[in-house]
Amino acid sequence: METPLDMPGTQQVRPFHFFDAQHHPTRCDLVVHLAHGWAIATELPQSGHAGINQCPHTLAAKICGEYDVDPAALVLLVRYAYPDADSYFVVHFIQGDRDLFNGFTFFGPSREPLDPD
């Protein structure tokens, strides 16, 4: 079975640095596929002040800015890797677009659980 890292065009960043919702530095592991516009973020233990769950919009903005991913097409998957169990979610946004300052703004994040298989 092919894993995301086996797919041509996939990049892995360990760790990927960004800011949480309170502008504190945080980090995660990231796998991103530029052509397909998807990213998988894995929360790291003691990654910063806030977990990925509390700052998906700043993570999404950093991914789009760093890798030139269209914000309307971004598919963000989040993996929480804990000793007892892994859990996976897809993060949906009501809207993602460029802002007036040529940055990125995302509104209304929500998480939907995914089957680990």
PDB file of N, CA and C in Angstrom:
ATOM      1  N   MET A   1       0.835  -1.173   0.000  1.00  0.00           N
ATOM      2  CA  MET A   1       0.000   0.000   0.000  1.00  0.00           C
ATOM      3  C   MET A   1       0.886   1.244   0.000  1.00  0.00           C
ATOM      4  N   GLU A   2       0.548   2.191  -0.850  1.00  0.00           N
ATOM      5  CA  GLU A   2       1.308   3.423  -0.953  1.00  0.00           C
ATOM      6  C   GLU A   2       0.969   4.347   0.217  1.00  0.00           C
ATOM      7  N   THR A   3       1.998   4.927   0.820  1.00  0.00           N
ATOM      8  CA  THR A   3       1.784   5.903   1.886  1.00  0.00           C
ATOM      9  C   THR A   3       1.911   7.303   1.285  1.00  0.00           C
ATOM     10  N   PRO A   4       1.441   8.325   1.983  1.00  0.00           N
ATOM     11  CA  PRO A   4       1.576   9.686   1.444  1.00  0.00           C
ATOM     12  C   PRO A   4       3.017  10.063   1.124  1.00  0.00           C
ATOM     13  N   LEU A   5       3.967   9.577   1.894  1.00  0.00           N
ATOM     14  CA  LEU A   5       5.374   9.912   1.635  1.00  0.00           C
ATOM     15  C   LEU A   5       5.914   9.253   0.367  1.00  0.00           C
ATOM     16  N   ASP A   6       5.263   8.182  -0.104  1.00  0.00           N
ATOM     17  CA  ASP A   6       5.697   7.501  -1.325  1.00  0.00           C
ATOM     18  C   ASP A   6       5.212   8.199  -2.590  1.00  0.00           C
ATOM     19  N   MET A   7       4.256   9.102  -2.452  1.00  0.00           N
ATOM     20  CA  MET A   7       3.679   9.758  -3.626  1.00  0.00           C
ATOM     21  C   MET A   7       4.636  10.817  -4.168  1.00  0.00           C
ATOM     22  N   PRO A   8       4.865  10.827  -5.470  1.00  0.00           N
ATOM     23  CA  PRO A   8       5.715  11.872  -6.051  1.00  0.00           C
ATOM     24  C   PRO A   8       5.117  13.250  -5.793  1.00  0.00           C
ATOM     25  N   GLY A   9       5.965  14.206  -5.474  1.00  0.00           N
ATOM     26  CA  GLY A   9       5.509  15.563  -5.210  1.00  0.00           C
ATOM     27  C   GLY A   9       5.202  15.847  -3.753  1.00  0.00           C
ATOM     28  N   THR A  10       5.406  14.862  -2.890  1.00  0.00           N
ATOM     29  CA  THR A  10       5.144  15.028  -1.466  1.00  0.00           C
ATOM     30  C   THR A  10       6.396  15.541  -0.769  1.00  0.00           C
ATOM     31  N   GLN A  11       6.206  16.496   0.140  1.00  0.00           N
ATOM     32  CA  GLN A  11       7.313  17.016   0.934  1.00  0.00           C
ATOM     33  C   GLN A  11       6.992  16.814   2.406  1.00  0.00           C
ATOM     34  N   GLN A  12       8.032  16.510   3.170  1.00  0.00           N
ATOM     35  CA  GLN A  12       7.873  16.339   4.606  1.00  0.00           C
ATOM     36  C   GLN A  12       8.715  17.397   5.311  1.00  0.00           C
ATOM     37  N   VAL A  13       8.124  18.049   6.313  1.00  0.00           N
ATOM     38  CA  VAL A  13       8.819  19.058   7.097  1.00  0.00           C
ATOM     39  C   VAL A  13       8.709  18.654   8.560  1.00  0.00           C
ATOM     40  N   ARG A  14       9.869  18.456   9.189  1.00  0.00           N
ATOM     41  CA  ARG A  14       9.903  18.023  10.580  1.00  0.00           C
ATOM     42  C   ARG A  14      10.896  18.866  11.345  1.00  0.00           C
ATOM     43  N   PRO A  15      10.505  19.761  12.174  1.00  0.00           N
ATOM     44  CA  PRO A  15       9.144  20.234  12.423  1.00  0.00           C
ATOM     45  C   PRO A  15       8.805  21.421  11.523  1.00  0.00           C
ATOM     46  N   PHE A  16       7.530  21.692  11.411  1.00  0.00           N
ATOM     47  CA  PHE A  16       6.991  22.842  10.688  1.00  0.00           C
ATOM     48  C   PHE A  16       6.612  23.885  11.726  1.00  0.00           C
ATOM     49  N   HIS A  17       7.205  25.063  11.634  1.00  0.00           N
ATOM     50  CA  HIS A  17       6.985  26.118  12.623  1.00  0.00           C
ATOM     51  C   HIS A  17       5.903  27.089  12.143  1.00  0.00           C
ATOM     52  N   PHE A  18       5.017  27.463  13.059  1.00  0.00           N
ATOM     53  CA  PHE A  18       3.981  28.454  12.775  1.00  0.00           C
ATOM     54  C   PHE A  18       3.584  29.094  14.098  1.00  0.00           C
ATOM     55  N   PHE A  19       2.623  30.007  14.068  1.00  0.00           N
ATOM     56  CA  PHE A  19       2.163  30.668  15.285  1.00  0.00           C
ATOM     57  C   PHE A  19       0.752  30.220  15.609  1.00  0.00           C
ATOM     58  N   ASP A  20       0.473  30.078  16.913  1.00  0.00           N
ATOM     59  CA  ASP A  20      -0.878  29.708  17.318  1.00  0.00           C
ATOM     60  C   ASP A  20      -1.779  30.942  17.297  1.00  0.00           C
ATOM     61  N   ALA A  21      -3.007  30.808  17.730  1.00  0.00           N
ATOM     62  CA  ALA A  21      -3.982  31.896  17.657  1.00  0.00           C
ATOM     63  C   ALA A  21      -3.593  33.091  18.522  1.00  0.00           C
ATOM     64  N   GLN A  22      -2.745  32.890  19.526  1.00  0.00           N
ATOM     65  CA  GLN A  22      -2.284  33.981  20.386  1.00  0.00           C
ATOM     66  C   GLN A  22      -0.902  34.492  19.966  1.00  0.00           C
ATOM     67  N   HIS A  23      -0.471  34.118  18.779  1.00  0.00           N
ATOM     68  CA  HIS A  23       0.810  34.547  18.200  1.00  0.00           C
ATOM     69  C   HIS A  23       2.025  34.003  18.941  1.00  0.00           C
ATOM     70  N   HIS A  24       1.851  32.855  19.596  1.00  0.00           N
ATOM     71  CA  HIS A  24       2.975  32.174  20.228  1.00  0.00           C
ATOM     72  C   HIS A  24       3.535  31.149  19.245  1.00  0.00           C
ATOM     73  N   PRO A  25       4.843  30.973  19.210  1.00  0.00           N
ATOM     74  CA  PRO A  25       5.401  29.969  18.308  1.00  0.00           C
ATOM     75  C   PRO A  25       4.993  28.561  18.717  1.00  0.00           C
ATOM     76  N   THR A  26       4.679  27.755  17.747  1.00  0.00           N
ATOM     77  CA  THR A  26       4.343  26.347  17.968  1.00  0.00           C
ATOM     78  C   THR A  26       4.842  25.564  16.762  1.00  0.00           C
ATOM     79  N   ARG A  27       4.637  24.266  16.758  1.00  0.00           N
ATOM     80  CA  ARG A  27       5.154  23.448  15.668  1.00  0.00           C
ATOM     81  C   ARG A  27       4.367  22.154  15.547  1.00  0.00           C
ATOM     82  N   CYS A  28       4.520  21.516  14.397  1.00  0.00           N
ATOM     83  CA  CYS A  28       3.931  20.209  14.141  1.00  0.00           C
ATOM     84  C   CYS A  28       4.810  19.546  13.083  1.00  0.00           C
ATOM     85  N   ASP A  29       4.622  18.271  12.861  1.00  0.00           N
ATOM     86  CA  ASP A  29       5.220  17.616  11.697  1.00  0.00           C
ATOM     87  C   ASP A  29       4.237  17.795  10.556  1.00  0.00           C
ATOM     88  N   LEU A  30       4.762  17.982   9.345  1.00  0.00           N
ATOM     89  CA  LEU A  30       3.885  18.271   8.219  1.00  0.00           C
ATOM     90  C   LEU A  30       4.297  17.462   7.003  1.00  0.00           C
ATOM     91  N   VAL A  31       3.305  16.899   6.332  1.00  0.00           N
ATOM     92  CA  VAL A  31       3.476  16.277   5.021  1.00  0.00           C
ATOM     93  C   VAL A  31       2.550  17.042   4.098  1.00  0.00           C
ATOM     94  N   VAL A  32       3.075  17.557   2.995  1.00  0.00           N
ATOM     95  CA  VAL A  32       2.271  18.386   2.100  1.00  0.00           C
ATOM     96  C   VAL A  32       2.493  17.945   0.656  1.00  0.00           C
ATOM     97  N   HIS A  33       1.421  17.946  -0.111  1.00  0.00           N
ATOM     98  CA  HIS A  33       1.495  17.645  -1.540  1.00  0.00           C
ATOM     99  C   HIS A  33       1.034  18.885  -2.288  1.00  0.00           C
ATOM    100  N   LEU A  34       1.978  19.558  -2.939  1.00  0.00           N
ATOM    101  CA  LEU A  34       1.702  20.849  -3.560  1.00  0.00           C
ATOM    102  C   LEU A  34       0.684  20.752  -4.683  1.00  0.00           C
ATOM    103  N   ALA A  35       0.850  19.799  -5.583  1.00  0.00           N
ATOM    104  CA  ALA A  35      -0.022  19.708  -6.759  1.00  0.00           C
ATOM    105  C   ALA A  35      -1.460  19.359  -6.381  1.00  0.00           C
ATOM    106  N   HIS A  36      -1.635  18.549  -5.342  1.00  0.00           N
ATOM    107  CA  HIS A  36      -2.981  18.129  -4.951  1.00  0.00           C
ATOM    108  C   HIS A  36      -3.593  19.018  -3.879  1.00  0.00           C
ATOM    109  N   GLY A  37      -2.782  19.871  -3.246  1.00  0.00           N
ATOM    110  CA  GLY A  37      -3.309  20.824  -2.270  1.00  0.00           C
ATOM    111  C   GLY A  37      -3.730  20.242  -0.942  1.00  0.00           C
ATOM    112  N   TRP A  38      -3.140  19.126  -0.545  1.00  0.00           N
ATOM    113  CA  TRP A  38      -3.483  18.578   0.762  1.00  0.00           C
ATOM    114  C   TRP A  38      -2.271  18.616   1.683  1.00  0.00           C
ATOM    115  N   ALA A  39      -2.549  18.614   2.979  1.00  0.00           N
ATOM    116  CA  ALA A  39      -1.495  18.592   3.990  1.00  0.00           C
ATOM    117  C   ALA A  39      -1.948  17.736   5.158  1.00  0.00           C
ATOM    118  N   ILE A  40      -0.998  17.030   5.742  1.00  0.00           N
ATOM    119  CA  ILE A  40      -1.253  16.241   6.949  1.00  0.00           C
ATOM    120  C   ILE A  40      -0.359  16.816   8.039  1.00  0.00           C
ATOM    121  N   ALA A  41      -0.979  17.331   9.090  1.00  0.00           N
ATOM    122  CA  ALA A  41      -0.248  17.896  10.218  1.00  0.00           C
ATOM    123  C   ALA A  41      -0.353  16.937  11.393  1.00  0.00           C
ATOM    124  N   THR A  42       0.781  16.601  11.982  1.00  0.00           N
ATOM    125  CA  THR A  42       0.807  15.723  13.152  1.00  0.00           C
ATOM    126  C   THR A  42       1.210  16.546  14.363  1.00  0.00           C
ATOM    127  N   GLU A  43       0.329  16.567  15.347  1.00  0.00           N
ATOM    128  CA  GLU A  43       0.625  17.329  16.558  1.00  0.00           C
ATOM    129  C   GLU A  43       1.788  16.683  17.303  1.00  0.00           C
ATOM    130  N   LEU A  44       2.697  17.514  17.776  1.00  0.00           N
ATOM    131  CA  LEU A  44       3.853  17.044  18.526  1.00  0.00           C
ATOM    132  C   LEU A  44       3.625  17.257  20.015  1.00  0.00           C
ATOM    133  N   PRO A  45       4.161  16.369  20.859  1.00  0.00           N
ATOM    134  CA  PRO A  45       4.051  16.593  22.303  1.00  0.00           C
ATOM    135  C   PRO A  45       4.744  17.906  22.671  1.00  0.00           C
ATOM    136  N   GLN A  46       4.137  18.663  23.544  1.00  0.00           N
ATOM    137  CA  GLN A  46       4.693  19.940  23.999  1.00  0.00           C
ATOM    138  C   GLN A  46       5.097  20.807  22.812  1.00  0.00           C
ATOM    139  N   SER A  47       4.194  20.921  21.833  1.00  0.00           N
ATOM    140  CA  SER A  47       4.503  21.636  20.608  1.00  0.00           C
ATOM    141  C   SER A  47       4.466  23.146  20.767  1.00  0.00           C
ATOM    142  N   GLY A  48       3.926  23.646  21.817  1.00  0.00           N
ATOM    143  CA  GLY A  48       3.812  25.083  22.005  1.00  0.00           C
ATOM    144  C   GLY A  48       2.714  25.375  22.996  1.00  0.00           C
ATOM    145  N   HIS A  49       2.146  26.535  22.894  1.00  0.00           N
ATOM    146  CA  HIS A  49       1.114  26.942  23.846  1.00  0.00           C
ATOM    147  C   HIS A  49      -0.247  26.345  23.524  1.00  0.00           C
ATOM    148  N   ALA A  50      -0.507  26.131  22.240  1.00  0.00           N
ATOM    149  CA  ALA A  50      -1.814  25.603  21.842  1.00  0.00           C
ATOM    150  C   ALA A  50      -1.614  24.421  20.911  1.00  0.00           C
ATOM    151  N   GLY A  51      -2.503  23.443  21.008  1.00  0.00           N
ATOM    152  CA  GLY A  51      -2.462  22.326  20.080  1.00  0.00           C
ATOM    153  C   GLY A  51      -3.059  22.718  18.740  1.00  0.00           C
ATOM    154  N   ILE A  52      -2.900  21.859  17.757  1.00  0.00           N
ATOM    155  CA  ILE A  52      -3.423  22.122  16.411  1.00  0.00           C
ATOM    156  C   ILE A  52      -4.925  22.370  16.460  1.00  0.00           C
ATOM    157  N   ASN A  53      -5.615  21.702  17.357  1.00  0.00           N
ATOM    158  CA  ASN A  53      -7.060  21.851  17.475  1.00  0.00           C
ATOM    159  C   ASN A  53      -7.468  23.296  17.755  1.00  0.00           C
ATOM    160  N   GLN A  54      -6.616  24.058  18.425  1.00  0.00           N
ATOM    161  CA  GLN A  54      -6.949  25.419  18.807  1.00  0.00           C
ATOM    162  C   GLN A  54      -6.450  26.478  17.829  1.00  0.00           C
ATOM    163  N   CYS A  55      -5.728  26.082  16.789  1.00  0.00           N
ATOM    164  CA  CYS A  55      -5.215  27.084  15.849  1.00  0.00           C
ATOM    165  C   CYS A  55      -5.136  26.561  14.412  1.00  0.00           C
ATOM    166  N   PRO A  56      -6.174  25.879  13.915  1.00  0.00           N
ATOM    167  CA  PRO A  56      -6.081  25.362  12.545  1.00  0.00           C
ATOM    168  C   PRO A  56      -6.037  26.457  11.488  1.00  0.00           C
ATOM    169  N   HIS A  57      -6.651  27.607  11.767  1.00  0.00           N
ATOM    170  CA  HIS A  57      -6.654  28.690  10.784  1.00  0.00           C
ATOM    171  C   HIS A  57      -5.260  29.285  10.593  1.00  0.00           C
ATOM    172  N   THR A  58      -4.479  29.411  11.676  1.00  0.00           N
ATOM    173  CA  THR A  58      -3.118  29.937  11.502  1.00  0.00           C
ATOM    174  C   THR A  58      -2.222  28.904  10.835  1.00  0.00           C
ATOM    175  N   LEU A  59      -2.438  27.636  11.128  1.00  0.00           N
ATOM    176  CA  LEU A  59      -1.697  26.569  10.458  1.00  0.00           C
ATOM    177  C   LEU A  59      -2.017  26.559   8.970  1.00  0.00           C
ATOM    178  N   ALA A  60      -3.299  26.634   8.619  1.00  0.00           N
ATOM    179  CA  ALA A  60      -3.707  26.633   7.209  1.00  0.00           C
ATOM    180  C   ALA A  60      -3.120  27.828   6.463  1.00  0.00           C
ATOM    181  N   ALA A  61      -3.141  29.003   7.096  1.00  0.00           N
ATOM    182  CA  ALA A  61      -2.585  30.195   6.455  1.00  0.00           C
ATOM    183  C   ALA A  61      -1.094  30.045   6.202  1.00  0.00           C
ATOM    184  N   LYS A  62      -0.380  29.488   7.153  1.00  0.00           N
ATOM    185  CA  LYS A  62       1.069  29.293   6.989  1.00  0.00           C
ATOM    186  C   LYS A  62       1.363  28.280   5.882  1.00  0.00           C
ATOM    187  N   ILE A  63       0.582  27.203   5.807  1.00  0.00           N
ATOM    188  CA  ILE A  63       0.770  26.202   4.749  1.00  0.00           C
ATOM    189  C   ILE A  63       0.545  26.842   3.386  1.00  0.00           C
ATOM    190  N   CYS A  64      -0.532  27.581   3.242  1.00  0.00           N
ATOM    191  CA  CYS A  64      -0.832  28.211   1.943  1.00  0.00           C
ATOM    192  C   CYS A  64       0.238  29.223   1.557  1.00  0.00           C
ATOM    193  N   GLY A  65       0.704  30.004   2.517  1.00  0.00           N
ATOM    194  CA  GLY A  65       1.733  30.989   2.234  1.00  0.00           C
ATOM    195  C   GLY A  65       3.081  30.376   1.924  1.00  0.00           C
ATOM    196  N   GLU A  66       3.439  29.361   2.654  1.00  0.00           N
ATOM    197  CA  GLU A  66       4.752  28.725   2.491  1.00  0.00           C
ATOM    198  C   GLU A  66       4.837  27.893   1.216  1.00  0.00           C
ATOM    199  N   TYR A  67       3.739  27.247   0.843  1.00  0.00           N
ATOM    200  CA  TYR A  67       3.763  26.303  -0.280  1.00  0.00           C
ATOM    201  C   TYR A  67       2.896  26.734  -1.461  1.00  0.00           C
ATOM    202  N   ASP A  68       2.375  27.948  -1.428  1.00  0.00           N
ATOM    203  CA  ASP A  68       1.576  28.495  -2.519  1.00  0.00           C
ATOM    204  C   ASP A  68       0.400  27.593  -2.873  1.00  0.00           C
ATOM    205  N   VAL A  69      -0.283  27.111  -1.845  1.00  0.00           N
ATOM    206  CA  VAL A  69      -1.482  26.281  -2.019  1.00  0.00           C
ATOM    207  C   VAL A  69      -2.692  27.216  -2.075  1.00  0.00           C
ATOM    208  N   ASP A  70      -3.591  26.995  -3.014  1.00  0.00           N
ATOM    209  CA  ASP A  70      -4.815  27.780  -3.123  1.00  0.00           C
ATOM    210  C   ASP A  70      -5.646  27.559  -1.859  1.00  0.00           C
ATOM    211  N   PRO A  71      -5.946  28.612  -1.100  1.00  0.00           N
ATOM    212  CA  PRO A  71      -6.678  28.427   0.160  1.00  0.00           C
ATOM    213  C   PRO A  71      -8.070  27.829  -0.015  1.00  0.00           C
ATOM    214  N   ALA A  72      -8.701  28.065  -1.147  1.00  0.00           N
ATOM    215  CA  ALA A  72     -10.032  27.493  -1.375  1.00  0.00           C
ATOM    216  C   ALA A  72      -9.961  25.990  -1.656  1.00  0.00           C
ATOM    217  N   ALA A  73      -8.782  25.507  -2.046  1.00  0.00           N
ATOM    218  CA  ALA A  73      -8.621  24.095  -2.398  1.00  0.00           C
ATOM    219  C   ALA A  73      -7.914  23.280  -1.316  1.00  0.00           C
ATOM    220  N   LEU A  74      -7.430  23.923  -0.258  1.00  0.00           N
ATOM    221  CA  LEU A  74      -6.667  23.221   0.776  1.00  0.00           C
ATOM    222  C   LEU A  74      -7.498  22.145   1.460  1.00  0.00           C
ATOM    223  N   VAL A  75      -6.925  20.961   1.576  1.00  0.00           N
ATOM    224  CA  VAL A  75      -7.491  19.872   2.371  1.00  0.00           C
ATOM    225  C   VAL A  75      -6.510  19.640   3.514  1.00  0.00           C
ATOM    226  N   LEU A  76      -6.943  19.927   4.724  1.00  0.00           N
ATOM    227  CA  LEU A  76      -6.081  19.818   5.896  1.00  0.00           C
ATOM    228  C   LEU A  76      -6.513  18.626   6.738  1.00  0.00           C
ATOM    229  N   LEU A  77      -5.613  17.678   6.878  1.00  0.00           N
ATOM    230  CA  LEU A  77      -5.823  16.510   7.727  1.00  0.00           C
ATOM    231  C   LEU A  77      -4.951  16.675   8.961  1.00  0.00           C
ATOM    232  N   VAL A  78      -5.491  16.318  10.114  1.00  0.00           N
ATOM    233  CA  VAL A  78      -4.762  16.460  11.365  1.00  0.00           C
ATOM    234  C   VAL A  78      -4.669  15.103  12.030  1.00  0.00           C
ATOM    235  N   ARG A  79      -3.462  14.796  12.495  1.00  0.00           N
ATOM    236  CA  ARG A  79      -3.217  13.529  13.199  1.00  0.00           C
ATOM    237  C   ARG A  79      -2.731  13.847  14.603  1.00  0.00           C
ATOM    238  N   TYR A  80      -3.403  13.262  15.572  1.00  0.00           N
ATOM    239  CA  TYR A  80      -2.971  13.357  16.960  1.00  0.00           C
ATOM    240  C   TYR A  80      -2.369  12.007  17.321  1.00  0.00           C
ATOM    241  N   ALA A  81      -1.065  11.974  17.491  1.00  0.00           N
ATOM    242  CA  ALA A  81      -0.363  10.727  17.784  1.00  0.00           C
ATOM    243  C   ALA A  81      -0.042  10.684  19.274  1.00  0.00           C
ATOM    244  N   TYR A  82      -0.807   9.885  19.987  1.00  0.00           N
ATOM    245  CA  TYR A  82      -0.614   9.759  21.421  1.00  0.00           C
ATOM    246  C   TYR A  82      -0.235   8.309  21.740  1.00  0.00           C
ATOM    247  N   PRO A  83       0.435   8.090  22.875  1.00  0.00           N
ATOM    248  CA  PRO A  83       0.874   6.722  23.200  1.00  0.00           C
ATOM    249  C   PRO A  83      -0.260   5.701  23.214  1.00  0.00           C
ATOM    250  N   ASP A  84      -1.445   6.103  23.667  1.00  0.00           N
ATOM    251  CA  ASP A  84      -2.553   5.153  23.766  1.00  0.00           C
ATOM    252  C   ASP A  84      -3.265   4.922  22.437  1.00  0.00           C
ATOM    253  N   ALA A  85      -3.340   5.955  21.599  1.00  0.00           N
ATOM    254  CA  ALA A  85      -4.080   5.814  20.343  1.00  0.00           C
ATOM    255  C   ALA A  85      -3.802   7.010  19.431  1.00  0.00           C
ATOM    256  N   ASP A  86      -3.934   6.763  18.154  1.00  0.00           N
ATOM    257  CA  ASP A  86      -3.881   7.832  17.160  1.00  0.00           C
ATOM    258  C   ASP A  86      -5.317   8.222  16.818  1.00  0.00           C
ATOM    259  N   SER A  87      -5.517   9.488  16.515  1.00  0.00           N
ATOM    260  CA  SER A  87      -6.813   9.917  16.001  1.00  0.00           C
ATOM    261  C   SER A  87      -6.568  10.853  14.826  1.00  0.00           C
ATOM    262  N   TYR A  88      -7.511  10.814  13.892  1.00  0.00           N
ATOM    263  CA  TYR A  88      -7.374  11.552  12.635  1.00  0.00           C
ATOM    264  C   TYR A  88      -8.638  12.363  12.378  1.00  0.00           C
ATOM    265  N   PHE A  89      -8.444  13.581  11.858  1.00  0.00           N
ATOM    266  CA  PHE A  89      -9.558  14.469  11.546  1.00  0.00           C
ATOM    267  C   PHE A  89      -9.277  15.183  10.235  1.00  0.00           C
ATOM    268  N   VAL A  90     -10.339  15.518   9.514  1.00  0.00           N
ATOM    269  CA  VAL A  90     -10.222  16.447   8.395  1.00  0.00           C
ATOM    270  C   VAL A  90     -10.778  17.762   8.912  1.00  0.00           C
ATOM    271  N   VAL A  91     -10.052  18.854   8.632  1.00  0.00           N
ATOM    272  CA  VAL A  91     -10.477  20.180   9.069  1.00  0.00           C
ATOM    273  C   VAL A  91     -11.106  20.888   7.880  1.00  0.00           C
ATOM    274  N   HIS A  92     -12.351  21.324   8.056  1.00  0.00           N
ATOM    275  CA  HIS A  92     -13.071  22.075   7.034  1.00  0.00           C
ATOM    276  C   HIS A  92     -13.147  23.533   7.471  1.00  0.00           C
ATOM    277  N   PHE A  93     -13.113  24.428   6.506  1.00  0.00           N
ATOM    278  CA  PHE A  93     -13.289  25.852   6.777  1.00  0.00           C
ATOM    279  C   PHE A  93     -14.504  26.342   5.997  1.00  0.00           C
ATOM    280  N   ILE A  94     -15.263  27.255   6.590  1.00  0.00           N
ATOM    281  CA  ILE A  94     -16.377  27.864   5.864  1.00  0.00           C
ATOM    282  C   ILE A  94     -15.830  28.643   4.678  1.00  0.00           C
ATOM    283  N   GLN A  95     -14.703  29.322   4.905  1.00  0.00           N
ATOM    284  CA  GLN A  95     -14.088  30.090   3.833  1.00  0.00           C
ATOM    285  C   GLN A  95     -12.587  30.185   4.056  1.00  0.00           C
ATOM    286  N   GLY A  96     -11.843  30.118   2.978  1.00  0.00           N
ATOM    287  CA  GLY A  96     -10.412  30.367   2.981  1.00  0.00           C
ATOM    288  C   GLY A  96     -10.078  31.174   1.743  1.00  0.00           C
ATOM    289  N   ASP A  97      -9.383  32.303   1.933  1.00  0.00           N
ATOM    290  CA  ASP A  97      -9.089  33.165   0.792  1.00  0.00           C
ATOM    291  C   ASP A  97      -7.925  34.087   1.141  1.00  0.00           C
ATOM    292  N   ARG A  98      -7.424  34.782   0.125  1.00  0.00           N
ATOM    293  CA  ARG A  98      -6.405  35.804   0.353  1.00  0.00           C
ATOM    294  C   ARG A  98      -7.063  37.016   1.004  1.00  0.00           C
ATOM    295  N   ASP A  99      -6.296  37.681   1.887  1.00  0.00           N
ATOM    296  CA  ASP A  99      -6.826  38.880   2.514  1.00  0.00           C
ATOM    297  C   ASP A  99      -6.313  40.127   1.787  1.00  0.00           C
ATOM    298  N   LEU A 100      -6.647  41.296   2.298  1.00  0.00           N
ATOM    299  CA  LEU A 100      -6.274  42.559   1.657  1.00  0.00           C
ATOM    300  C   LEU A 100      -4.769  42.781   1.594  1.00  0.00           C
ATOM    301  N   PHE A 101      -4.016  42.137   2.469  1.00  0.00           N
ATOM    302  CA  PHE A 101      -2.574  42.339   2.547  1.00  0.00           C
ATOM    303  C   PHE A 101      -1.803  41.206   1.874  1.00  0.00           C
ATOM    304  N   ASN A 102      -2.485  40.459   1.027  1.00  0.00           N
ATOM    305  CA  ASN A 102      -1.919  39.328   0.286  1.00  0.00           C
ATOM    306  C   ASN A 102      -1.509  38.175   1.200  1.00  0.00           C
ATOM    307  N   GLY A 103      -2.092  38.137   2.383  1.00  0.00           N
ATOM    308  CA  GLY A 103      -1.927  36.997   3.269  1.00  0.00           C
ATOM    309  C   GLY A 103      -3.117  36.076   3.092  1.00  0.00           C
ATOM    310  N   PHE A 104      -3.393  35.250   4.086  1.00  0.00           N
ATOM    311  CA  PHE A 104      -4.486  34.292   3.988  1.00  0.00           C
ATOM    312  C   PHE A 104      -5.351  34.367   5.234  1.00  0.00           C
ATOM    313  N   THR A 105      -6.643  34.234   5.027  1.00  0.00           N
ATOM    314  CA  THR A 105      -7.595  34.250   6.130  1.00  0.00           C
ATOM    315  C   THR A 105      -8.519  33.048   5.988  1.00  0.00           C
ATOM    316  N   PHE A 106      -8.723  32.354   7.096  1.00  0.00           N
ATOM    317  CA  PHE A 106      -9.632  31.209   7.132  1.00  0.00           C
ATOM    318  C   PHE A 106     -10.665  31.438   8.225  1.00  0.00           C
ATOM    319  N   PHE A 107     -11.922  31.102   7.934  1.00  0.00           N
ATOM    320  CA  PHE A 107     -13.023  31.289   8.882  1.00  0.00           C
ATOM    321  C   PHE A 107     -13.748  29.970   9.115  1.00  0.00           C
ATOM    322  N   GLY A 108     -14.255  29.826  10.331  1.00  0.00           N
ATOM    323  CA  GLY A 108     -15.158  28.733  10.663  1.00  0.00           C
ATOM    324  C   GLY A 108     -14.576  27.342  10.576  1.00  0.00           C
ATOM    325  N   PRO A 109     -13.429  27.084  11.237  1.00  0.00           N
ATOM    326  CA  PRO A 109     -12.906  25.721  11.172  1.00  0.00           C
ATOM    327  C   PRO A 109     -13.785  24.733  11.937  1.00  0.00           C
ATOM    328  N   SER A 110     -13.911  23.542  11.399  1.00  0.00           N
ATOM    329  CA  SER A 110     -14.590  22.450  12.100  1.00  0.00           C
ATOM    330  C   SER A 110     -13.861  21.155  11.773  1.00  0.00           C
ATOM    331  N   ARG A 111     -13.911  20.240  12.715  1.00  0.00           N
ATOM    332  CA  ARG A 111     -13.215  18.957  12.539  1.00  0.00           C
ATOM    333  C   ARG A 111     -14.209  17.830  12.361  1.00  0.00           C
ATOM    334  N   GLU A 112     -13.866  16.929  11.464  1.00  0.00           N
ATOM    335  CA  GLU A 112     -14.673  15.725  11.252  1.00  0.00           C
ATOM    336  C   GLU A 112     -13.752  14.527  11.457  1.00  0.00           C
ATOM    337  N   PRO A 113     -14.110  13.591  12.344  1.00  0.00           N
ATOM    338  CA  PRO A 113     -13.246  12.438  12.583  1.00  0.00           C
ATOM    339  C   PRO A 113     -13.124  11.547  11.341  1.00  0.00           C
ATOM    340  N   LEU A 114     -11.951  10.971  11.188  1.00  0.00           N
ATOM    341  CA  LEU A 114     -11.691  10.038  10.091  1.00  0.00           C
ATOM    342  C   LEU A 114     -11.386   8.650  10.667  1.00  0.00           C
ATOM    343  N   ASP A 115     -11.701   7.646   9.919  1.00  0.00           N
ATOM    344  CA  ASP A 115     -11.353   6.277  10.285  1.00  0.00           C
ATOM    345  C   ASP A 115      -9.832   6.125  10.136  1.00  0.00           C
ATOM    346  N   PRO A 116      -9.133   5.680  11.157  1.00  0.00           N
ATOM    347  CA  PRO A 116      -7.676   5.549  11.082  1.00  0.00           C
ATOM    348  C   PRO A 116      -7.185   4.668   9.935  1.00  0.00           C
ATOM    349  N   ASP A 117      -8.027   3.741   9.469  1.00  0.00           N
ATOM    350  CA  ASP A 117      -7.613   2.889   8.360  1.00  0.00           C
ATOM    351  C   ASP A 117      -7.577   3.675   7.075  1.00  0.00           C
TER     352      ASP A 117
END
